[in-house]
Amino acid sequence: MSETLLDILQYYGAGAATLAALLVSLNLGRRWTGWAFVIFVTSSLALIGWGFLQPDSEGIGWQNIALLCINCVGVYRYLILKEKPGEPAGRGGTD
């Protein structure tokens, strides 16, 4: 596997996760948080690829498979679900 591709996967995964974590920490509202989870998904995909293509890094790959599942829940919860969890239907606000 090309060393350049591995570097791109590794550094994109790390940078995207950092950006997504910053967006979540700023608490800018549901839409921003949802898009942060989309960025987390791309980060997880990159790090899954890197983890299984880089020798002796399968642990990162497996960890990011779990994180990918968690991040998909975040995308669903913040971008797809129409009302906030725990609120009665029809009362979900948008922010």
C-alpha atoms as a PDB file:
ATOM      1  CA  MET A   1       0.000   0.000   0.000  1.00  0.00           C
ATOM      2  CA  SER A   2       1.241   3.443  -0.883  1.00  0.00           C
ATOM      3  CA  GLU A   3       2.813   5.280   2.026  1.00  0.00           C
ATOM      4  CA  THR A   4       1.218   8.517   0.782  1.00  0.00           C
ATOM      5  CA  LEU A   5      -2.291   7.023   0.874  1.00  0.00           C
ATOM      6  CA  LEU A   6      -1.702   5.716   4.389  1.00  0.00           C
ATOM      7  CA  ASP A   7      -0.501   9.153   5.492  1.00  0.00           C
ATOM      8  CA  ILE A   8      -3.553  10.826   3.943  1.00  0.00           C
ATOM      9  CA  LEU A   9      -5.925   8.379   5.690  1.00  0.00           C
ATOM     10  CA  GLN A  10      -4.164   8.758   9.032  1.00  0.00           C
ATOM     11  CA  TYR A  11      -3.913  12.540   9.077  1.00  0.00           C
ATOM     12  CA  TYR A  12      -7.343  13.138   7.548  1.00  0.00           C
ATOM     13  CA  GLY A  13      -8.880  10.819  10.160  1.00  0.00           C
ATOM     14  CA  ALA A  14      -7.126  12.613  13.006  1.00  0.00           C
ATOM     15  CA  GLY A  15      -7.842  16.121  11.690  1.00  0.00           C
ATOM     16  CA  ALA A  16     -11.485  15.426  10.866  1.00  0.00           C
ATOM     17  CA  ALA A  17     -12.103  13.910  14.310  1.00  0.00           C
ATOM     18  CA  THR A  18     -10.541  16.971  15.932  1.00  0.00           C
ATOM     19  CA  LEU A  19     -12.686  19.360  13.884  1.00  0.00           C
ATOM     20  CA  ALA A  20     -15.847  17.351  14.615  1.00  0.00           C
ATOM     21  CA  ALA A  21     -15.085  17.288  18.341  1.00  0.00           C
ATOM     22  CA  LEU A  22     -14.607  21.079  18.282  1.00  0.00           C
ATOM     23  CA  LEU A  23     -17.984  21.557  16.566  1.00  0.00           C
ATOM     24  CA  VAL A  24     -19.746  19.332  19.108  1.00  0.00           C
ATOM     25  CA  SER A  25     -18.045  21.136  22.008  1.00  0.00           C
ATOM     26  CA  LEU A  26     -19.215  24.538  20.733  1.00  0.00           C
ATOM     27  CA  ASN A  27     -22.859  23.414  21.109  1.00  0.00           C
ATOM     28  CA  LEU A  28     -24.014  25.431  18.090  1.00  0.00           C
ATOM     29  CA  GLY A  29     -27.324  23.592  17.751  1.00  0.00           C
ATOM     30  CA  ARG A  30     -28.759  20.395  16.295  1.00  0.00           C
ATOM     31  CA  ARG A  31     -27.831  21.043  12.665  1.00  0.00           C
ATOM     32  CA  TRP A  32     -24.185  21.869  13.426  1.00  0.00           C
ATOM     33  CA  THR A  33     -23.911  18.895  15.759  1.00  0.00           C
ATOM     34  CA  GLY A  34     -25.440  16.642  13.099  1.00  0.00           C
ATOM     35  CA  TRP A  35     -22.911  17.785  10.526  1.00  0.00           C
ATOM     36  CA  ALA A  36     -20.145  17.252  13.082  1.00  0.00           C
ATOM     37  CA  PHE A  37     -21.295  13.632  13.278  1.00  0.00           C
ATOM     38  CA  VAL A  38     -21.088  13.406   9.471  1.00  0.00           C
ATOM     39  CA  ILE A  39     -17.464  14.568   9.766  1.00  0.00           C
ATOM     40  CA  PHE A  40     -16.931  11.956  12.511  1.00  0.00           C
ATOM     41  CA  VAL A  41     -18.274   9.307  10.092  1.00  0.00           C
ATOM     42  CA  THR A  42     -15.716  10.298   7.442  1.00  0.00           C
ATOM     43  CA  SER A  43     -12.989  10.268  10.087  1.00  0.00           C
ATOM     44  CA  SER A  44     -13.983   6.780  11.205  1.00  0.00           C
ATOM     45  CA  LEU A  45     -13.994   5.518   7.614  1.00  0.00           C
ATOM     46  CA  ALA A  46     -10.512   6.923   7.010  1.00  0.00           C
ATOM     47  CA  LEU A  47      -9.164   5.424  10.231  1.00  0.00           C
ATOM     48  CA  ILE A  48     -10.793   2.050   9.535  1.00  0.00           C
ATOM     49  CA  GLY A  49      -8.958   2.001   6.208  1.00  0.00           C
ATOM     50  CA  TRP A  50      -5.696   3.117   7.792  1.00  0.00           C
ATOM     51  CA  GLY A  51      -6.007   0.690  10.687  1.00  0.00           C
ATOM     52  CA  PHE A  52      -6.441  -2.368   8.498  1.00  0.00           C
ATOM     53  CA  LEU A  53      -3.948  -1.322   5.808  1.00  0.00           C
ATOM     54  CA  GLN A  54      -1.166  -0.269   8.191  1.00  0.00           C
ATOM     55  CA  PRO A  55       0.717  -3.213   9.713  1.00  0.00           C
ATOM     56  CA  ASP A  56       0.022  -3.782  13.419  1.00  0.00           C
ATOM     57  CA  SER A  57      -2.759  -1.165  13.600  1.00  0.00           C
ATOM     58  CA  GLU A  58      -5.872  -3.336  13.543  1.00  0.00           C
ATOM     59  CA  GLY A  59      -6.878  -2.056  16.989  1.00  0.00           C
ATOM     60  CA  ILE A  60      -7.508   1.406  15.544  1.00  0.00           C
ATOM     61  CA  GLY A  61      -9.519  -0.185  12.741  1.00  0.00           C
ATOM     62  CA  TRP A  62     -11.730  -2.127  15.158  1.00  0.00           C
ATOM     63  CA  GLN A  63     -12.143   0.872  17.449  1.00  0.00           C
ATOM     64  CA  ASN A  64     -13.305   2.971  14.520  1.00  0.00           C
ATOM     65  CA  ILE A  65     -15.798   0.335  13.417  1.00  0.00           C
ATOM     66  CA  ALA A  66     -17.426   0.797  16.831  1.00  0.00           C
ATOM     67  CA  LEU A  67     -17.117   4.592  16.570  1.00  0.00           C
ATOM     68  CA  LEU A  68     -18.643   4.488  13.079  1.00  0.00           C
ATOM     69  CA  CYS A  69     -21.753   2.819  14.531  1.00  0.00           C
ATOM     70  CA  ILE A  70     -21.947   5.421  17.309  1.00  0.00           C
ATOM     71  CA  ASN A  71     -21.431   8.278  14.833  1.00  0.00           C
ATOM     72  CA  CYS A  72     -24.198   6.943  12.576  1.00  0.00           C
ATOM     73  CA  VAL A  73     -26.533   7.113  15.590  1.00  0.00           C
ATOM     74  CA  GLY A  74     -25.480  10.759  15.992  1.00  0.00           C
ATOM     75  CA  VAL A  75     -26.228  11.504  12.330  1.00  0.00           C
ATOM     76  CA  TYR A  76     -29.637   9.859  12.679  1.00  0.00           C
ATOM     77  CA  ARG A  77     -30.428  11.611  15.951  1.00  0.00           C
ATOM     78  CA  TYR A  78     -29.376  15.106  14.919  1.00  0.00           C
ATOM     79  CA  LEU A  79     -30.040  15.244  11.157  1.00  0.00           C
ATOM     80  CA  ILE A  80     -32.711  12.653  10.349  1.00  0.00           C
ATOM     81  CA  LEU A  81     -34.942  12.419  13.423  1.00  0.00           C
ATOM     82  CA  LYS A  82     -37.541  15.180  13.214  1.00  0.00           C
ATOM     83  CA  GLU A  83     -38.060  15.804  16.937  1.00  0.00           C
ATOM     84  CA  LYS A  84     -35.605  15.911  19.765  1.00  0.00           C
ATOM     85  CA  PRO A  85     -35.426  12.609  21.635  1.00  0.00           C
ATOM     86  CA  GLY A  86     -37.605  12.722  24.757  1.00  0.00           C
ATOM     87  CA  GLU A  87     -40.014  15.329  23.388  1.00  0.00           C
ATOM     88  CA  PRO A  88     -43.560  14.485  22.315  1.00  0.00           C
ATOM     89  CA  ALA A  89     -44.054  14.296  18.540  1.00  0.00           C
ATOM     90  CA  GLY A  90     -44.855  17.639  16.960  1.00  0.00           C
ATOM     91  CA  ARG A  91     -43.098  19.678  19.660  1.00  0.00           C
ATOM     92  CA  GLY A  92     -39.540  19.333  18.381  1.00  0.00           C
ATOM     93  CA  GLY A  93     -37.933  22.685  17.867  1.00  0.00           C
ATOM     94  CA  THR A  94     -35.295  23.531  15.313  1.00  0.00           C
ATOM     95  CA  ASP A  95     -32.155  25.327  16.216  1.00  0.00           C
END
